[in-house]
Amino acid sequence: MKIVMNPIKVYAVCDQNGNIKPIACCLEENGENIKINLELQGTEEQKVVGRIMINFFCRCLLGGCEQVIVLRYDVKEHRWYLYKI
């Protein structure tokens, strides 16, 4: 897996307990936004330089191949990043 840490648009839902579940994201390819459906495989919370980050391990189809990507959510800033691909 390659670390990229790029800001990304993510479609997510929250349950009644406040748990976040990403369901899709948008990647830019050749100047076009491509919506990619996600299947959540697991999560991991960690502190990075004093900030709480949640890593979401998601399965998706990229270029016709099934891959696992990692999305990172910054809890304080409410920002999503494509962390690993």
N, C-alpha and C. Protein backbone atom coordinates (compact mmCIF):
# COMPACT_ATOMS: atom_id res chain seq x y z
N MET A 1 0.84 -1.19 0.00
CA MET A 1 0.00 0.00 0.00
C MET A 1 0.88 1.24 0.00
N LYS A 2 0.42 2.24 -0.70
CA LYS A 2 1.15 3.49 -0.84
C LYS A 2 0.44 4.58 -0.02
N ILE A 3 1.17 5.32 0.80
CA ILE A 3 0.59 6.42 1.58
C ILE A 3 0.49 7.65 0.68
N VAL A 4 -0.72 8.22 0.60
CA VAL A 4 -0.93 9.40 -0.23
C VAL A 4 -1.41 10.61 0.57
N MET A 5 -2.25 10.41 1.56
CA MET A 5 -2.78 11.46 2.46
C MET A 5 -3.30 12.68 1.71
N ASN A 6 -4.19 12.45 0.74
CA ASN A 6 -4.83 13.53 -0.04
C ASN A 6 -6.24 13.78 0.48
N PRO A 7 -6.66 15.06 0.56
CA PRO A 7 -8.06 15.35 0.92
C PRO A 7 -8.99 14.71 -0.10
N ILE A 8 -10.16 14.25 0.36
CA ILE A 8 -11.08 13.54 -0.52
C ILE A 8 -12.52 13.82 -0.10
N LYS A 9 -13.43 13.75 -1.07
CA LYS A 9 -14.87 13.87 -0.78
C LYS A 9 -15.38 12.48 -0.43
N VAL A 10 -16.11 12.38 0.69
CA VAL A 10 -16.64 11.10 1.14
C VAL A 10 -18.12 11.24 1.46
N TYR A 11 -18.90 10.27 1.02
CA TYR A 11 -20.30 10.16 1.39
C TYR A 11 -20.36 9.17 2.56
N ALA A 12 -20.92 9.60 3.68
CA ALA A 12 -20.96 8.75 4.87
C ALA A 12 -22.31 8.87 5.56
N VAL A 13 -22.63 7.87 6.35
CA VAL A 13 -23.84 7.89 7.17
C VAL A 13 -23.43 7.70 8.63
N CYS A 14 -24.26 8.21 9.51
CA CYS A 14 -24.04 8.05 10.95
C CYS A 14 -25.24 7.34 11.55
N ASP A 15 -24.96 6.43 12.50
CA ASP A 15 -26.08 5.77 13.17
C ASP A 15 -26.50 6.58 14.38
N GLN A 16 -27.49 6.09 15.12
CA GLN A 16 -28.03 6.82 16.26
C GLN A 16 -27.03 6.98 17.40
N ASN A 17 -25.94 6.19 17.38
CA ASN A 17 -24.90 6.30 18.40
C ASN A 17 -23.75 7.20 17.96
N GLY A 18 -23.84 7.76 16.76
CA GLY A 18 -22.80 8.65 16.26
C GLY A 18 -21.67 7.97 15.53
N ASN A 19 -21.78 6.66 15.29
CA ASN A 19 -20.75 5.93 14.55
C ASN A 19 -20.82 6.28 13.07
N ILE A 20 -19.67 6.55 12.47
CA ILE A 20 -19.59 6.95 11.07
C ILE A 20 -19.30 5.73 10.20
N LYS A 21 -19.98 5.68 9.04
CA LYS A 21 -19.73 4.60 8.08
C LYS A 21 -19.63 5.21 6.68
N PRO A 22 -18.42 5.22 6.09
CA PRO A 22 -18.31 5.71 4.71
C PRO A 22 -18.97 4.74 3.75
N ILE A 23 -19.72 5.28 2.78
CA ILE A 23 -20.40 4.41 1.81
C ILE A 23 -19.91 4.64 0.38
N ALA A 24 -19.32 5.82 0.12
CA ALA A 24 -18.79 6.11 -1.21
C ALA A 24 -17.80 7.27 -1.11
N CYS A 25 -16.95 7.39 -2.11
CA CYS A 25 -16.02 8.52 -2.18
C CYS A 25 -15.87 8.95 -3.63
N CYS A 26 -15.32 10.13 -3.84
CA CYS A 26 -15.08 10.65 -5.18
C CYS A 26 -13.58 10.78 -5.41
N LEU A 27 -13.10 10.15 -6.46
CA LEU A 27 -11.71 10.29 -6.87
C LEU A 27 -11.68 11.07 -8.17
N GLU A 28 -10.68 11.91 -8.32
CA GLU A 28 -10.54 12.67 -9.55
C GLU A 28 -9.58 11.94 -10.48
N GLU A 29 -10.05 11.69 -11.69
CA GLU A 29 -9.24 11.00 -12.69
C GLU A 29 -9.41 11.70 -14.03
N ASN A 30 -8.32 12.18 -14.58
CA ASN A 30 -8.34 12.91 -15.86
C ASN A 30 -9.31 14.09 -15.83
N GLY A 31 -9.33 14.82 -14.71
CA GLY A 31 -10.20 15.98 -14.58
C GLY A 31 -11.65 15.67 -14.31
N GLU A 32 -11.99 14.40 -14.14
CA GLU A 32 -13.37 13.97 -13.88
C GLU A 32 -13.48 13.38 -12.50
N ASN A 33 -14.60 13.64 -11.81
CA ASN A 33 -14.87 13.01 -10.53
C ASN A 33 -15.54 11.67 -10.77
N ILE A 34 -14.99 10.63 -10.15
CA ILE A 34 -15.54 9.29 -10.28
C ILE A 34 -16.01 8.83 -8.91
N LYS A 35 -17.30 8.46 -8.82
CA LYS A 35 -17.85 7.96 -7.55
C LYS A 35 -17.52 6.49 -7.41
N ILE A 36 -16.97 6.13 -6.25
CA ILE A 36 -16.59 4.75 -5.96
C ILE A 36 -17.34 4.28 -4.73
N ASN A 37 -18.10 3.20 -4.87
CA ASN A 37 -18.82 2.61 -3.73
C ASN A 37 -17.83 1.87 -2.83
N LEU A 38 -18.07 1.97 -1.53
CA LEU A 38 -17.17 1.38 -0.54
C LEU A 38 -17.89 0.33 0.30
N GLU A 39 -17.15 -0.68 0.70
CA GLU A 39 -17.64 -1.69 1.64
C GLU A 39 -16.70 -1.65 2.84
N LEU A 40 -17.22 -1.22 3.98
CA LEU A 40 -16.39 -1.07 5.19
C LEU A 40 -15.97 -2.44 5.71
N GLN A 41 -14.65 -2.59 5.93
CA GLN A 41 -14.09 -3.84 6.44
C GLN A 41 -13.71 -3.74 7.92
N GLY A 42 -13.39 -2.52 8.37
CA GLY A 42 -13.00 -2.35 9.77
C GLY A 42 -12.53 -0.93 10.03
N THR A 43 -12.35 -0.61 11.31
CA THR A 43 -11.88 0.72 11.70
C THR A 43 -10.78 0.59 12.74
N GLU A 44 -10.04 1.68 12.88
CA GLU A 44 -8.97 1.74 13.88
C GLU A 44 -8.81 3.20 14.27
N GLU A 45 -8.83 3.48 15.56
CA GLU A 45 -8.65 4.84 16.05
C GLU A 45 -7.22 4.99 16.53
N GLN A 46 -6.60 6.15 16.20
CA GLN A 46 -5.24 6.39 16.68
C GLN A 46 -5.02 7.88 16.87
N LYS A 47 -4.02 8.19 17.70
CA LYS A 47 -3.63 9.58 17.92
C LYS A 47 -2.42 9.87 17.06
N VAL A 48 -2.50 10.95 16.29
CA VAL A 48 -1.40 11.38 15.44
C VAL A 48 -1.09 12.83 15.80
N VAL A 49 0.06 13.06 16.37
CA VAL A 49 0.48 14.39 16.80
C VAL A 49 -0.62 15.05 17.65
N GLY A 50 -1.16 14.31 18.59
CA GLY A 50 -2.17 14.82 19.51
C GLY A 50 -3.57 14.92 18.94
N ARG A 51 -3.78 14.51 17.71
CA ARG A 51 -5.10 14.56 17.07
C ARG A 51 -5.67 13.15 16.97
N ILE A 52 -6.97 13.03 17.20
CA ILE A 52 -7.62 11.74 17.07
C ILE A 52 -8.00 11.53 15.60
N MET A 53 -7.52 10.43 15.03
CA MET A 53 -7.82 10.07 13.65
C MET A 53 -8.48 8.69 13.66
N ILE A 54 -9.45 8.50 12.79
CA ILE A 54 -10.07 7.19 12.63
C ILE A 54 -9.73 6.69 11.24
N ASN A 55 -9.12 5.52 11.16
CA ASN A 55 -8.80 4.89 9.89
C ASN A 55 -9.92 3.93 9.53
N PHE A 56 -10.43 4.03 8.30
CA PHE A 56 -11.48 3.17 7.79
C PHE A 56 -10.90 2.31 6.68
N PHE A 57 -10.90 1.00 6.89
CA PHE A 57 -10.40 0.06 5.89
C PHE A 57 -11.58 -0.35 5.03
N CYS A 58 -11.53 0.01 3.74
CA CYS A 58 -12.66 -0.19 2.85
C CYS A 58 -12.26 -0.99 1.61
N ARG A 59 -13.16 -1.84 1.16
CA ARG A 59 -12.99 -2.60 -0.07
C ARG A 59 -13.75 -1.86 -1.17
N CYS A 60 -13.14 -1.76 -2.36
CA CYS A 60 -13.78 -1.07 -3.48
C CYS A 60 -13.26 -1.63 -4.80
N LEU A 61 -13.90 -1.21 -5.88
CA LEU A 61 -13.46 -1.58 -7.23
C LEU A 61 -12.76 -0.38 -7.85
N LEU A 62 -11.48 -0.53 -8.16
CA LEU A 62 -10.70 0.51 -8.81
C LEU A 62 -10.11 -0.05 -10.09
N GLY A 63 -10.47 0.53 -11.20
CA GLY A 63 -9.95 0.06 -12.49
C GLY A 63 -10.31 -1.38 -12.79
N GLY A 64 -11.47 -1.82 -12.33
CA GLY A 64 -11.91 -3.18 -12.57
C GLY A 64 -11.33 -4.21 -11.62
N CYS A 65 -10.46 -3.77 -10.70
CA CYS A 65 -9.85 -4.68 -9.72
C CYS A 65 -10.35 -4.35 -8.32
N GLU A 66 -10.60 -5.38 -7.54
CA GLU A 66 -11.00 -5.18 -6.15
C GLU A 66 -9.77 -4.83 -5.32
N GLN A 67 -9.86 -3.73 -4.56
CA GLN A 67 -8.73 -3.28 -3.74
C GLN A 67 -9.22 -2.88 -2.36
N VAL A 68 -8.28 -2.84 -1.42
CA VAL A 68 -8.56 -2.30 -0.10
C VAL A 68 -7.86 -0.94 -0.03
N ILE A 69 -8.62 0.08 0.35
CA ILE A 69 -8.05 1.41 0.56
C ILE A 69 -8.30 1.81 2.00
N VAL A 70 -7.53 2.78 2.48
CA VAL A 70 -7.69 3.27 3.84
C VAL A 70 -8.05 4.75 3.76
N LEU A 71 -9.21 5.10 4.32
CA LEU A 71 -9.62 6.48 4.45
C LEU A 71 -9.34 6.91 5.88
N ARG A 72 -8.93 8.14 6.05
CA ARG A 72 -8.63 8.65 7.40
C ARG A 72 -9.54 9.85 7.66
N TYR A 73 -10.18 9.84 8.84
CA TYR A 73 -11.06 10.93 9.25
C TYR A 73 -10.45 11.66 10.42
N ASP A 74 -10.25 12.98 10.28
CA ASP A 74 -9.73 13.83 11.35
C ASP A 74 -10.93 14.29 12.17
N VAL A 75 -11.05 13.80 13.39
CA VAL A 75 -12.22 14.06 14.23
C VAL A 75 -12.36 15.55 14.56
N LYS A 76 -11.27 16.23 14.89
CA LYS A 76 -11.34 17.64 15.27
C LYS A 76 -11.67 18.54 14.08
N GLU A 77 -11.06 18.30 12.95
CA GLU A 77 -11.26 19.15 11.77
C GLU A 77 -12.42 18.70 10.88
N HIS A 78 -12.98 17.51 11.14
CA HIS A 78 -14.07 16.95 10.33
C HIS A 78 -13.67 16.87 8.86
N ARG A 79 -12.46 16.34 8.60
CA ARG A 79 -11.93 16.22 7.24
C ARG A 79 -11.60 14.77 6.92
N TRP A 80 -11.84 14.41 5.67
CA TRP A 80 -11.54 13.07 5.17
C TRP A 80 -10.29 13.12 4.30
N TYR A 81 -9.49 12.06 4.38
CA TYR A 81 -8.29 11.92 3.56
C TYR A 81 -8.24 10.52 2.97
N LEU A 82 -7.77 10.44 1.73
CA LEU A 82 -7.40 9.15 1.17
C LEU A 82 -6.01 8.88 1.71
N TYR A 83 -5.91 7.97 2.65
CA TYR A 83 -4.66 7.76 3.38
C TYR A 83 -3.74 6.75 2.66
N LYS A 84 -4.27 5.58 2.35
CA LYS A 84 -3.47 4.55 1.68
C LYS A 84 -4.26 3.95 0.53
N ILE A 85 -3.54 3.65 -0.53
CA ILE A 85 -4.17 3.01 -1.68
C ILE A 85 -3.27 1.90 -2.20
